[in-house]
Every structure is written in structure tokens, then in C-alpha cells.
Amino acid sequence: MGWIVVLLFVLVPIAALVVWIFALVDCIQVPDDAMYQSGTKLIWVLVIVLTNVIGAIIYLAIGRPEQGTPRPTHAVPPPPPPPV
């Protein structure tokens, strides 16, 4: 009976906290908003922070960029021609 209490009241909350922190750090470390499958970094951080573990699980399931996704390259326009 004692191990069930330890499991429910100690290990489960610690595991939930670890998942929440992992999702939040992973979300913040994405370098570009275009890498997300849906939404932006601000939206996902708010979802994770305001909905706690449920938001972290939702982010990990549908919002996280796929591994190996290349960073989108934004074409830099060429400089204007020099005046003649």
C-alpha cells in the first residue's frame, strides 16, 4: 500500500513537472516561428504555461517541429546598383 502512495503523490507529479519543463524549454529553443507545424512560438509558450501538463502534451503531440526540419532560408535581396 505504501508504494502506491509514493507512486501517486511523489513520482507522478515529478514526471509531470519534467514533461512540462521539457516542453517549455523545447518550445523556447526553436529558432524560427516558421518551423512550427502550426501556430507561433508565443502561442505555444502561452498554451504550455497556461494549461500546464495538458498543454505540454498537446505541444509535444501536434505543435513540435519535426526533427531534422531545416531552418527556412529567407532570401536576402541583392543590394541596389551603385549610382552612375
PDB file of N, CA and C in Angstrom:
ATOM      1  N   MET A   1       0.817  -1.192   0.000  1.00  0.00           N
ATOM      2  CA  MET A   1       0.000   0.000   0.000  1.00  0.00           C
ATOM      3  C   MET A   1       0.865   1.262   0.000  1.00  0.00           C
ATOM      4  N   GLY A   2       2.011   1.230   0.668  1.00  0.00           N
ATOM      5  CA  GLY A   2       2.862   2.400   0.766  1.00  0.00           C
ATOM      6  C   GLY A   2       3.468   2.801  -0.560  1.00  0.00           C
ATOM      7  N   TRP A   3       3.785   1.846  -1.419  1.00  0.00           N
ATOM      8  CA  TRP A   3       4.399   2.182  -2.704  1.00  0.00           C
ATOM      9  C   TRP A   3       3.401   2.829  -3.654  1.00  0.00           C
ATOM     10  N   ILE A   4       2.117   2.499  -3.487  1.00  0.00           N
ATOM     11  CA  ILE A   4       1.089   3.133  -4.313  1.00  0.00           C
ATOM     12  C   ILE A   4       0.983   4.617  -3.967  1.00  0.00           C
ATOM     13  N   VAL A   5       1.058   4.928  -2.691  1.00  0.00           N
ATOM     14  CA  VAL A   5       1.002   6.315  -2.244  1.00  0.00           C
ATOM     15  C   VAL A   5       2.209   7.079  -2.779  1.00  0.00           C
ATOM     16  N   VAL A   6       3.380   6.462  -2.699  1.00  0.00           N
ATOM     17  CA  VAL A   6       4.586   7.108  -3.224  1.00  0.00           C
ATOM     18  C   VAL A   6       4.434   7.334  -4.721  1.00  0.00           C
ATOM     19  N   LEU A   7       3.936   6.357  -5.439  1.00  0.00           N
ATOM     20  CA  LEU A   7       3.760   6.481  -6.882  1.00  0.00           C
ATOM     21  C   LEU A   7       2.798   7.612  -7.226  1.00  0.00           C
ATOM     22  N   LEU A   8       1.666   7.663  -6.553  1.00  0.00           N
ATOM     23  CA  LEU A   8       0.645   8.646  -6.887  1.00  0.00           C
ATOM     24  C   LEU A   8       0.989  10.066  -6.455  1.00  0.00           C
ATOM     25  N   PHE A   9       1.581  10.215  -5.312  1.00  0.00           N
ATOM     26  CA  PHE A   9       1.775  11.549  -4.749  1.00  0.00           C
ATOM     27  C   PHE A   9       3.194  12.100  -4.888  1.00  0.00           C
ATOM     28  N   VAL A  10       4.137  11.297  -5.351  1.00  0.00           N
ATOM     29  CA  VAL A  10       5.505  11.776  -5.496  1.00  0.00           C
ATOM     30  C   VAL A  10       5.991  11.619  -6.936  1.00  0.00           C
ATOM     31  N   LEU A  11       5.952  10.429  -7.460  1.00  0.00           N
ATOM     32  CA  LEU A  11       6.546  10.181  -8.772  1.00  0.00           C
ATOM     33  C   LEU A  11       5.735  10.765  -9.929  1.00  0.00           C
ATOM     34  N   VAL A  12       4.419  10.674  -9.870  1.00  0.00           N
ATOM     35  CA  VAL A  12       3.588  11.211 -10.953  1.00  0.00           C
ATOM     36  C   VAL A  12       3.719  12.729 -11.055  1.00  0.00           C
ATOM     37  N   PRO A  13       3.636  13.490  -9.956  1.00  0.00           N
ATOM     38  CA  PRO A  13       3.840  14.941 -10.086  1.00  0.00           C
ATOM     39  C   PRO A  13       5.250  15.310 -10.556  1.00  0.00           C
ATOM     40  N   ILE A  14       6.254  14.568 -10.135  1.00  0.00           N
ATOM     41  CA  ILE A  14       7.616  14.845 -10.594  1.00  0.00           C
ATOM     42  C   ILE A  14       7.725  14.574 -12.095  1.00  0.00           C
ATOM     43  N   ALA A  15       7.154  13.494 -12.567  1.00  0.00           N
ATOM     44  CA  ALA A  15       7.173  13.183 -14.000  1.00  0.00           C
ATOM     45  C   ALA A  15       6.414  14.245 -14.791  1.00  0.00           C
ATOM     46  N   ALA A  16       5.291  14.704 -14.272  1.00  0.00           N
ATOM     47  CA  ALA A  16       4.521  15.748 -14.947  1.00  0.00           C
ATOM     48  C   ALA A  16       5.323  17.045 -15.020  1.00  0.00           C
ATOM     49  N   LEU A  17       6.028  17.395 -13.963  1.00  0.00           N
ATOM     50  CA  LEU A  17       6.851  18.596 -13.950  1.00  0.00           C
ATOM     51  C   LEU A  17       7.992  18.487 -14.960  1.00  0.00           C
ATOM     52  N   VAL A  18       8.596  17.322 -15.050  1.00  0.00           N
ATOM     53  CA  VAL A  18       9.685  17.112 -16.008  1.00  0.00           C
ATOM     54  C   VAL A  18       9.172  17.259 -17.437  1.00  0.00           C
ATOM     55  N   VAL A  19       8.009  16.697 -17.753  1.00  0.00           N
ATOM     56  CA  VAL A  19       7.433  16.812 -19.095  1.00  0.00           C
ATOM     57  C   VAL A  19       7.110  18.265 -19.392  1.00  0.00           C
ATOM     58  N   TRP A  20       6.555  18.995 -18.423  1.00  0.00           N
ATOM     59  CA  TRP A  20       6.202  20.400 -18.599  1.00  0.00           C
ATOM     60  C   TRP A  20       7.439  21.253 -18.880  1.00  0.00           C
ATOM     61  N   ILE A  21       8.484  21.062 -18.090  1.00  0.00           N
ATOM     62  CA  ILE A  21       9.721  21.825 -18.276  1.00  0.00           C
ATOM     63  C   ILE A  21      10.371  21.471 -19.608  1.00  0.00           C
ATOM     64  N   PHE A  22      10.393  20.191 -19.969  1.00  0.00           N
ATOM     65  CA  PHE A  22      10.976  19.782 -21.245  1.00  0.00           C
ATOM     66  C   PHE A  22      10.255  20.445 -22.408  1.00  0.00           C
ATOM     67  N   ALA A  23       8.927  20.436 -22.394  1.00  0.00           N
ATOM     68  CA  ALA A  23       8.155  21.026 -23.486  1.00  0.00           C
ATOM     69  C   ALA A  23       8.379  22.534 -23.553  1.00  0.00           C
ATOM     70  N   LEU A  24       8.431  23.197 -22.416  1.00  0.00           N
ATOM     71  CA  LEU A  24       8.627  24.641 -22.399  1.00  0.00           C
ATOM     72  C   LEU A  24      10.010  25.017 -22.936  1.00  0.00           C
ATOM     73  N   VAL A  25      11.036  24.325 -22.499  1.00  0.00           N
ATOM     74  CA  VAL A  25      12.395  24.600 -22.977  1.00  0.00           C
ATOM     75  C   VAL A  25      12.511  24.277 -24.461  1.00  0.00           C
ATOM     76  N   ASP A  26      11.929  23.165 -24.893  1.00  0.00           N
ATOM     77  CA  ASP A  26      11.974  22.788 -26.297  1.00  0.00           C
ATOM     78  C   ASP A  26      11.271  23.831 -27.159  1.00  0.00           C
ATOM     79  N   CYS A  27      10.164  24.334 -26.696  1.00  0.00           N
ATOM     80  CA  CYS A  27       9.414  25.353 -27.433  1.00  0.00           C
ATOM     81  C   CYS A  27      10.213  26.647 -27.537  1.00  0.00           C
ATOM     82  N   ILE A  28      10.840  27.055 -26.473  1.00  0.00           N
ATOM     83  CA  ILE A  28      11.586  28.312 -26.463  1.00  0.00           C
ATOM     84  C   ILE A  28      12.833  28.222 -27.343  1.00  0.00           C
ATOM     85  N   GLN A  29      13.414  27.052 -27.474  1.00  0.00           N
ATOM     86  CA  GLN A  29      14.654  26.904 -28.232  1.00  0.00           C
ATOM     87  C   GLN A  29      14.460  26.821 -29.742  1.00  0.00           C
ATOM     88  N   VAL A  30      13.235  26.750 -30.231  1.00  0.00           N
ATOM     89  CA  VAL A  30      13.012  26.719 -31.680  1.00  0.00           C
ATOM     90  C   VAL A  30      13.404  28.074 -32.242  1.00  0.00           C
ATOM     91  N   PRO A  31      14.336  28.104 -33.212  1.00  0.00           N
ATOM     92  CA  PRO A  31      14.885  29.385 -33.656  1.00  0.00           C
ATOM     93  C   PRO A  31      13.962  30.227 -34.527  1.00  0.00           C
ATOM     94  N   ASP A  32      13.010  29.625 -35.226  1.00  0.00           N
ATOM     95  CA  ASP A  32      12.199  30.390 -36.154  1.00  0.00           C
ATOM     96  C   ASP A  32      10.747  29.937 -36.070  1.00  0.00           C
ATOM     97  N   ASP A  33       9.813  30.889 -36.066  1.00  0.00           N
ATOM     98  CA  ASP A  33       8.389  30.557 -35.987  1.00  0.00           C
ATOM     99  C   ASP A  33       7.911  29.722 -37.165  1.00  0.00           C
ATOM    100  N   ALA A  34       8.560  29.849 -38.305  1.00  0.00           N
ATOM    101  CA  ALA A  34       8.138  29.110 -39.493  1.00  0.00           C
ATOM    102  C   ALA A  34       8.380  27.603 -39.358  1.00  0.00           C
ATOM    103  N   MET A  35       9.152  27.189 -38.391  1.00  0.00           N
ATOM    104  CA  MET A  35       9.440  25.763 -38.214  1.00  0.00           C
ATOM    105  C   MET A  35       8.287  25.015 -37.549  1.00  0.00           C
ATOM    106  N   TYR A  36       7.409  25.736 -36.842  1.00  0.00           N
ATOM    107  CA  TYR A  36       6.295  25.076 -36.164  1.00  0.00           C
ATOM    108  C   TYR A  36       5.310  24.522 -37.181  1.00  0.00           C
ATOM    109  N   GLN A  37       4.706  23.389 -36.857  1.00  0.00           N
ATOM    110  CA  GLN A  37       3.704  22.808 -37.740  1.00  0.00           C
ATOM    111  C   GLN A  37       2.453  23.679 -37.757  1.00  0.00           C
ATOM    112  N   SER A  38       2.152  24.292 -36.625  1.00  0.00           N
ATOM    113  CA  SER A  38       1.009  25.199 -36.536  1.00  0.00           C
ATOM    114  C   SER A  38       1.274  26.184 -35.406  1.00  0.00           C
ATOM    115  N   GLY A  39       0.831  27.397 -35.579  1.00  0.00           N
ATOM    116  CA  GLY A  39       0.998  28.402 -34.544  1.00  0.00           C
ATOM    117  C   GLY A  39       2.366  29.063 -34.572  1.00  0.00           C
ATOM    118  N   THR A  40       2.625  29.865 -33.531  1.00  0.00           N
ATOM    119  CA  THR A  40       3.898  30.551 -33.385  1.00  0.00           C
ATOM    120  C   THR A  40       4.469  30.243 -32.010  1.00  0.00           C
ATOM    121  N   LYS A  41       5.688  30.700 -31.779  1.00  0.00           N
ATOM    122  CA  LYS A  41       6.333  30.443 -30.500  1.00  0.00           C
ATOM    123  C   LYS A  41       5.535  31.043 -29.350  1.00  0.00           C
ATOM    124  N   LEU A  42       5.057  32.271 -29.519  1.00  0.00           N
ATOM    125  CA  LEU A  42       4.290  32.927 -28.459  1.00  0.00           C
ATOM    126  C   LEU A  42       3.035  32.131 -28.115  1.00  0.00           C
ATOM    127  N   ILE A  43       2.328  31.681 -29.113  1.00  0.00           N
ATOM    128  CA  ILE A  43       1.106  30.901 -28.869  1.00  0.00           C
ATOM    129  C   ILE A  43       1.434  29.622 -28.112  1.00  0.00           C
ATOM    130  N   TRP A  44       2.471  28.905 -28.546  1.00  0.00           N
ATOM    131  CA  TRP A  44       2.800  27.638 -27.893  1.00  0.00           C
ATOM    132  C   TRP A  44       3.301  27.836 -26.465  1.00  0.00           C
ATOM    133  N   VAL A  45       4.085  28.882 -26.227  1.00  0.00           N
ATOM    134  CA  VAL A  45       4.530  29.147 -24.854  1.00  0.00           C
ATOM    135  C   VAL A  45       3.322  29.442 -23.967  1.00  0.00           C
ATOM    136  N   LEU A  46       2.389  30.239 -24.457  1.00  0.00           N
ATOM    137  CA  LEU A  46       1.177  30.525 -23.676  1.00  0.00           C
ATOM    138  C   LEU A  46       0.360  29.265 -23.425  1.00  0.00           C
ATOM    139  N   VAL A  47       0.226  28.420 -24.439  1.00  0.00           N
ATOM    140  CA  VAL A  47      -0.524  27.164 -24.263  1.00  0.00           C
ATOM    141  C   VAL A  47       0.136  26.299 -23.191  1.00  0.00           C
ATOM    142  N   ILE A  48       1.451  26.170 -23.255  1.00  0.00           N
ATOM    143  CA  ILE A  48       2.165  25.323 -22.293  1.00  0.00           C
ATOM    144  C   ILE A  48       2.082  25.900 -20.884  1.00  0.00           C
ATOM    145  N   VAL A  49       2.281  27.208 -20.755  1.00  0.00           N
ATOM    146  CA  VAL A  49       2.289  27.829 -19.424  1.00  0.00           C
ATOM    147  C   VAL A  49       0.891  27.846 -18.809  1.00  0.00           C
ATOM    148  N   LEU A  50      -0.122  28.181 -19.594  1.00  0.00           N
ATOM    149  CA  LEU A  50      -1.456  28.348 -19.033  1.00  0.00           C
ATOM    150  C   LEU A  50      -2.210  27.038 -18.812  1.00  0.00           C
ATOM    151  N   THR A  51      -1.862  26.007 -19.576  1.00  0.00           N
ATOM    152  CA  THR A  51      -2.582  24.736 -19.414  1.00  0.00           C
ATOM    153  C   THR A  51      -1.728  23.637 -18.800  1.00  0.00           C
ATOM    154  N   ASN A  52      -0.529  23.995 -18.380  1.00  0.00           N
ATOM    155  CA  ASN A  52       0.365  23.083 -17.663  1.00  0.00           C
ATOM    156  C   ASN A  52       0.662  21.804 -18.428  1.00  0.00           C
ATOM    157  N   VAL A  53       0.484  20.664 -17.803  1.00  0.00           N
ATOM    158  CA  VAL A  53       0.894  19.389 -18.395  1.00  0.00           C
ATOM    159  C   VAL A  53       0.073  19.057 -19.636  1.00  0.00           C
ATOM    160  N   ILE A  54      -1.205  19.392 -19.634  1.00  0.00           N
ATOM    161  CA  ILE A  54      -2.041  19.116 -20.807  1.00  0.00           C
ATOM    162  C   ILE A  54      -1.517  19.898 -22.008  1.00  0.00           C
ATOM    163  N   GLY A  55      -1.178  21.162 -21.811  1.00  0.00           N
ATOM    164  CA  GLY A  55      -0.617  21.966 -22.892  1.00  0.00           C
ATOM    165  C   GLY A  55       0.716  21.435 -23.366  1.00  0.00           C
ATOM    166  N   ALA A  56       1.535  20.940 -22.444  1.00  0.00           N
ATOM    167  CA  ALA A  56       2.824  20.363 -22.821  1.00  0.00           C
ATOM    168  C   ALA A  56       2.627  19.120 -23.673  1.00  0.00           C
ATOM    169  N   ILE A  57       1.673  18.305 -23.316  1.00  0.00           N
ATOM    170  CA  ILE A  57       1.399  17.093 -24.088  1.00  0.00           C
ATOM    171  C   ILE A  57       0.857  17.454 -25.469  1.00  0.00           C
ATOM    172  N   ILE A  58      -0.018  18.465 -25.530  1.00  0.00           N
ATOM    173  CA  ILE A  58      -0.542  18.910 -26.827  1.00  0.00           C
ATOM    174  C   ILE A  58       0.590  19.440 -27.695  1.00  0.00           C
ATOM    175  N   TYR A  59       1.485  20.234 -27.111  1.00  0.00           N
ATOM    176  CA  TYR A  59       2.621  20.758 -27.873  1.00  0.00           C
ATOM    177  C   TYR A  59       3.484  19.618 -28.400  1.00  0.00           C
ATOM    178  N   LEU A  60       3.805  18.654 -27.556  1.00  0.00           N
ATOM    179  CA  LEU A  60       4.664  17.553 -27.983  1.00  0.00           C
ATOM    180  C   LEU A  60       3.982  16.694 -29.049  1.00  0.00           C
ATOM    181  N   ALA A  61       2.651  16.624 -29.004  1.00  0.00           N
ATOM    182  CA  ALA A  61       1.931  15.785 -29.958  1.00  0.00           C
ATOM    183  C   ALA A  61       1.728  16.470 -31.311  1.00  0.00           C
ATOM    184  N   ILE A  62       1.338  17.749 -31.320  1.00  0.00           N
ATOM    185  CA  ILE A  62       0.985  18.363 -32.603  1.00  0.00           C
ATOM    186  C   ILE A  62       1.735  19.640 -32.936  1.00  0.00           C
ATOM    187  N   GLY A  63       2.398  20.269 -31.982  1.00  0.00           N
ATOM    188  CA  GLY A  63       2.999  21.555 -32.261  1.00  0.00           C
ATOM    189  C   GLY A  63       4.492  21.542 -32.488  1.00  0.00           C
ATOM    190  N   ARG A  64       5.146  20.524 -32.032  1.00  0.00           N
ATOM    191  CA  ARG A  64       6.606  20.471 -32.079  1.00  0.00           C
ATOM    192  C   ARG A  64       7.107  20.297 -33.510  1.00  0.00           C
ATOM    193  N   PRO A  65       8.126  21.079 -33.904  1.00  0.00           N
ATOM    194  CA  PRO A  65       8.700  20.872 -35.235  1.00  0.00           C
ATOM    195  C   PRO A  65       9.304  19.472 -35.348  1.00  0.00           C
ATOM    196  N   GLU A  66       9.230  18.926 -36.546  1.00  0.00           N
ATOM    197  CA  GLU A  66       9.800  17.593 -36.753  1.00  0.00           C
ATOM    198  C   GLU A  66      11.315  17.666 -36.663  1.00  0.00           C
ATOM    199  N   GLN A  67      11.935  16.598 -36.171  1.00  0.00           N
ATOM    200  CA  GLN A  67      13.385  16.550 -36.073  1.00  0.00           C
ATOM    201  C   GLN A  67      13.970  16.574 -37.472  1.00  0.00           C
ATOM    202  N   GLY A  68      15.031  17.335 -37.636  1.00  0.00           N
ATOM    203  CA  GLY A  68      15.690  17.411 -38.926  1.00  0.00           C
ATOM    204  C   GLY A  68      15.053  18.398 -39.883  1.00  0.00           C
ATOM    205  N   THR A  69      14.059  19.153 -39.409  1.00  0.00           N
ATOM    206  CA  THR A  69      13.445  20.162 -40.265  1.00  0.00           C
ATOM    207  C   THR A  69      14.461  21.270 -40.501  1.00  0.00           C
ATOM    208  N   PRO A  70      14.792  21.537 -41.751  1.00  0.00           N
ATOM    209  CA  PRO A  70      15.776  22.604 -41.996  1.00  0.00           C
ATOM    210  C   PRO A  70      15.179  23.965 -41.679  1.00  0.00           C
ATOM    211  N   ARG A  71      16.038  24.853 -41.223  1.00  0.00           N
ATOM    212  CA  ARG A  71      15.591  26.212 -40.971  1.00  0.00           C
ATOM    213  C   ARG A  71      15.218  26.845 -42.299  1.00  0.00           C
ATOM    214  N   PRO A  72      14.093  27.534 -42.332  1.00  0.00           N
ATOM    215  CA  PRO A  72      13.741  28.206 -43.581  1.00  0.00           C
ATOM    216  C   PRO A  72      14.745  29.315 -43.883  1.00  0.00           C
ATOM    217  N   THR A  73      15.133  29.385 -45.120  1.00  0.00           N
ATOM    218  CA  THR A  73      16.075  30.432 -45.505  1.00  0.00           C
ATOM    219  C   THR A  73      15.292  31.559 -46.148  1.00  0.00           C
ATOM    220  N   HIS A  74      15.488  32.739 -45.650  1.00  0.00           N
ATOM    221  CA  HIS A  74      14.836  33.908 -46.211  1.00  0.00           C
ATOM    222  C   HIS A  74      15.808  34.534 -47.195  1.00  0.00           C
ATOM    223  N   ALA A  75      15.365  34.666 -48.416  1.00  0.00           N
ATOM    224  CA  ALA A  75      16.229  35.227 -49.440  1.00  0.00           C
ATOM    225  C   ALA A  75      16.491  36.695 -49.149  1.00  0.00           C
ATOM    226  N   VAL A  76      17.745  37.042 -49.157  1.00  0.00           N
ATOM    227  CA  VAL A  76      18.138  38.422 -48.938  1.00  0.00           C
ATOM    228  C   VAL A  76      18.204  39.091 -50.295  1.00  0.00           C
ATOM    229  N   PRO A  77      17.486  40.195 -50.465  1.00  0.00           N
ATOM    230  CA  PRO A  77      17.537  40.849 -51.782  1.00  0.00           C
ATOM    231  C   PRO A  77      18.926  41.395 -52.050  1.00  0.00           C
ATOM    232  N   PRO A  78      19.294  41.429 -53.308  1.00  0.00           N
ATOM    233  CA  PRO A  78      20.628  41.960 -53.633  1.00  0.00           C
ATOM    234  C   PRO A  78      20.660  43.467 -53.365  1.00  0.00           C
ATOM    235  N   PRO A  79      21.848  43.975 -53.141  1.00  0.00           N
ATOM    236  CA  PRO A  79      21.947  45.427 -52.905  1.00  0.00           C
ATOM    237  C   PRO A  79      21.589  46.206 -54.164  1.00  0.00           C
ATOM    238  N   PRO A  80      21.156  47.426 -53.985  1.00  0.00           N
ATOM    239  CA  PRO A  80      20.821  48.217 -55.172  1.00  0.00           C
ATOM    240  C   PRO A  80      22.073  48.528 -55.986  1.00  0.00           C
ATOM    241  N   PRO A  81      21.904  48.752 -57.268  1.00  0.00           N
ATOM    242  CA  PRO A  81      23.073  49.051 -58.097  1.00  0.00           C
ATOM    243  C   PRO A  81      23.679  50.402 -57.682  1.00  0.00           C
ATOM    244  N   PRO A  82      24.981  50.534 -57.864  1.00  0.00           N
ATOM    245  CA  PRO A  82      25.609  51.809 -57.484  1.00  0.00           C
ATOM    246  C   PRO A  82      25.150  52.922 -58.431  1.00  0.00           C
ATOM    247  N   PRO A  83      25.079  54.124 -57.905  1.00  0.00           N
ATOM    248  CA  PRO A  83      24.669  55.235 -58.763  1.00  0.00           C
ATOM    249  C   PRO A  83      25.744  55.522 -59.826  1.00  0.00           C
ATOM    250  N   VAL A  84      25.315  55.909 -60.980  1.00  0.00           N
ATOM    251  CA  VAL A  84      26.249  56.226 -62.062  1.00  0.00           C
ATOM    252  C   VAL A  84      26.375  57.696 -62.300  1.00  0.00           C
TER     253      VAL A  84
END
